Amino acid sequence: MKTRSGPGPSHTRSERGTVLLMFPAAVMIMLVLGAIVLDVGLSQVRGRELQAVADSAANDSLAALDIPALRGGESPSLDPTRARVIVAQAVAAGPLPNATILAVDIGTDNAGRITVTVQLSLRVDLMIAPALPGNLRSTTITKTGRVVVLA
């Protein structure tokens, strides 16, 4: 039996309400996509913050340079122990104090310049993903900051 409810196309009685059945599925898909966007966005923001902390800690480690030797015209030297302490203090005082220092490498590059590489890790607790199937509660981000002494 066909019914007509206006100038549009006619529908059979069995087709009525199919949009009503698809609406909850569409809402669920939108919620899942929104959750993914929020959690990925949070991870991206934390990643940028962690990169800034790693870069800042690497730059701060240059406070361990032997300044009197540089002023005297000698080649630059860096106290590795003091540099590591400075990096630890910089990370602890920064905006992400729960970041973990994975490595502080002090060495030289091919041109003989002093390099300091700081590698940090941060566990980010996700906001929405724990409520979704898959049991994903957090993600770990790793970033590396590097500085080269050009003196």
Protein backbone atom coordinates (compact mmCIF):
# COMPACT_ATOMS: atom_id res chain seq x y z
CA MET A 1 0.00 0.00 0.00
CA LYS A 2 1.45 3.33 -1.05
CA THR A 3 0.85 6.50 0.87
CA ARG A 4 1.36 10.02 -0.26
CA SER A 5 2.21 12.79 2.20
CA GLY A 6 2.73 15.71 -0.14
CA PRO A 7 4.29 16.62 -3.46
CA GLY A 8 7.43 14.47 -2.84
CA PRO A 9 7.98 10.85 -3.84
CA SER A 10 5.64 8.24 -2.51
CA HIS A 11 6.87 5.71 0.10
CA THR A 12 5.65 2.33 1.12
CA ARG A 13 4.51 1.92 4.69
CA SER A 14 7.54 -0.32 5.48
CA GLU A 15 10.01 2.48 4.57
CA ARG A 16 8.61 4.94 7.08
CA GLY A 17 10.88 5.67 10.05
CA THR A 18 14.12 4.34 8.56
CA VAL A 19 15.79 7.69 9.17
CA LEU A 20 14.73 7.45 12.78
CA LEU A 21 16.55 4.11 13.05
CA MET A 22 19.72 5.45 11.42
CA PHE A 23 19.91 8.54 13.63
CA PRO A 24 21.29 6.81 16.77
CA ALA A 25 23.99 5.13 14.68
CA ALA A 26 24.96 8.47 13.15
CA VAL A 27 25.11 10.08 16.59
CA MET A 28 27.30 7.24 17.88
CA ILE A 29 29.68 7.59 14.93
CA MET A 30 29.93 11.35 15.53
CA LEU A 31 30.68 10.79 19.23
CA VAL A 32 33.43 8.27 18.46
CA LEU A 33 34.99 10.58 15.86
CA GLY A 34 34.79 13.49 18.30
CA ALA A 35 36.52 11.40 20.96
CA ILE A 36 39.31 10.50 18.57
CA VAL A 37 39.77 14.16 17.63
CA LEU A 38 39.94 15.24 21.29
CA ASP A 39 42.47 12.58 22.29
CA VAL A 40 44.67 13.09 19.22
CA GLY A 41 44.55 16.85 19.78
CA LEU A 42 45.56 16.42 23.42
CA SER A 43 48.47 14.20 22.40
CA GLN A 44 49.61 16.72 19.78
CA VAL A 45 49.52 19.60 22.27
CA ARG A 46 51.44 17.61 24.88
CA GLY A 47 53.95 16.59 22.20
CA ARG A 48 54.61 20.23 21.29
CA GLU A 49 54.99 21.14 24.96
CA LEU A 50 57.39 18.23 25.50
CA GLN A 51 59.46 19.31 22.47
CA ALA A 52 59.71 22.82 23.92
CA VAL A 53 60.83 21.43 27.29
CA ALA A 54 63.46 19.20 25.61
CA ASP A 55 64.80 22.12 23.55
CA SER A 56 64.84 24.40 26.59
CA ALA A 57 66.63 21.82 28.75
CA ALA A 58 69.26 21.28 26.04
CA ASN A 59 69.82 25.04 25.83
CA ASP A 60 69.98 25.36 29.62
CA SER A 61 72.69 22.68 29.74
CA LEU A 62 75.04 25.17 28.11
CA ALA A 63 75.32 26.87 31.51
CA ALA A 64 77.87 24.11 32.20
CA LEU A 65 80.28 25.59 29.62
CA ASP A 66 83.66 26.72 30.92
CA ILE A 67 83.19 30.46 30.32
CA PRO A 68 86.62 31.60 31.61
CA ALA A 69 88.28 29.20 29.16
CA LEU A 70 86.16 30.60 26.31
CA ARG A 71 87.08 34.16 27.26
CA GLY A 72 90.73 33.14 27.33
CA GLY A 73 90.48 31.96 23.72
CA GLU A 74 90.56 28.25 24.51
CA SER A 75 88.31 25.72 22.80
CA PRO A 76 84.95 25.27 24.52
CA SER A 77 84.52 22.56 27.13
CA LEU A 78 81.46 21.38 28.97
CA ASP A 79 81.23 19.70 32.37
CA PRO A 80 79.00 16.64 31.64
CA THR A 81 77.99 16.03 35.25
CA ARG A 82 76.94 19.64 35.77
CA ALA A 83 75.12 19.65 32.42
CA ARG A 84 73.06 16.59 33.43
CA VAL A 85 72.15 18.22 36.75
CA ILE A 86 71.09 21.40 34.94
CA VAL A 87 68.93 19.38 32.52
CA ALA A 88 67.24 17.57 35.42
CA GLN A 89 66.55 20.89 37.17
CA ALA A 90 65.21 22.47 33.98
CA VAL A 91 62.81 19.58 33.34
CA ALA A 92 61.62 19.54 36.97
CA ALA A 93 60.98 23.31 36.93
CA GLY A 94 59.28 23.28 33.53
CA PRO A 95 55.58 23.02 32.64
CA LEU A 96 55.76 19.20 32.46
CA PRO A 97 57.55 18.16 35.68
CA ASN A 98 56.41 14.54 35.29
CA ALA A 99 58.38 14.19 32.04
CA THR A 100 60.99 11.44 32.22
CA ILE A 101 64.57 12.04 31.13
CA LEU A 102 65.51 9.10 28.93
CA ALA A 103 68.98 10.30 27.93
CA VAL A 104 71.33 13.24 28.12
CA ASP A 105 74.10 12.66 25.57
CA ILE A 106 77.07 15.01 25.49
CA GLY A 107 79.53 14.55 22.67
CA THR A 108 80.96 16.06 19.52
CA ASP A 109 79.75 16.09 15.93
CA ASN A 110 81.83 15.50 12.79
CA ALA A 111 83.13 19.08 12.86
CA GLY A 112 84.36 18.70 16.46
CA ARG A 113 81.65 20.94 17.92
CA ILE A 114 80.14 20.09 21.31
CA THR A 115 76.60 18.70 21.09
CA VAL A 116 74.06 18.12 23.84
CA THR A 117 71.07 15.88 23.09
CA VAL A 118 68.21 15.58 25.58
CA GLN A 119 65.59 12.87 25.09
CA LEU A 120 62.38 13.11 27.13
CA SER A 121 59.33 10.92 27.49
CA LEU A 122 55.85 11.76 28.75
CA ARG A 123 52.85 9.58 29.50
CA VAL A 124 49.63 11.27 28.41
CA ASP A 125 46.39 10.07 29.98
CA LEU A 126 43.68 10.14 27.34
CA MET A 127 40.31 11.72 28.10
CA ILE A 128 37.74 9.86 26.03
CA ALA A 129 39.45 6.70 24.74
CA PRO A 130 39.17 4.82 28.06
CA ALA A 131 35.38 4.80 27.62
CA LEU A 132 35.68 3.19 24.18
CA PRO A 133 36.36 -0.46 23.42
CA GLY A 134 40.04 -1.33 23.19
CA ASN A 135 41.18 -0.47 26.73
CA LEU A 136 43.49 2.39 25.61
CA ARG A 137 44.05 4.56 28.68
CA SER A 138 47.25 6.45 27.85
CA THR A 139 49.92 6.99 25.26
CA THR A 140 53.63 7.75 25.60
CA ILE A 141 55.30 10.56 23.68
CA THR A 142 59.07 10.82 23.18
CA LYS A 143 60.81 14.00 21.97
CA THR A 144 64.44 14.96 21.49
CA GLY A 145 66.08 18.39 21.87
CA ARG A 146 69.57 19.08 20.56
CA VAL A 147 71.96 21.99 20.82
CA VAL A 148 75.34 22.52 19.14
CA VAL A 149 78.02 24.85 20.50
CA LEU A 150 79.28 26.90 17.56
CA ALA A 151 82.20 28.63 19.33
